[in-house]
């Protein structure tokens, strides 16, 4: 359990560090367009490869188990919230627009948890 929590802490730290410098550089651009572009494969908001590197099918975070797909959405929600999209419904609609589909109930819960997570 300690190893999982350490892994989660490292992941969230990486999200925080990865985004901070780029956000300052892009303050004058349209925030939503920035998020859309960086959510593409390989972008700063694409956490799939980051999460896939870890062993196991599930990741424990805040006493909840997430599959890797849902945890990727949690990380995206945390990053988007930190970047400036504070309205949860706006973040939800943005994710759905980017991914061309509605969030499932578990995905919606993961996004909400991400939006509520304070990055250090």
Foldseek 3Di string as FASTA:
>chain_A
DVVLVVLVLVVLQCLVVLVVVVLVVCVPPDLLVLLLVQCPPPRSLPCLVVLVVDDDQWGDDPNDTDGSVLLSLLSSLLSSLVSPPLDLVVVQVSVCVSVVHHDDPSSSVSSVNSSVDDRD
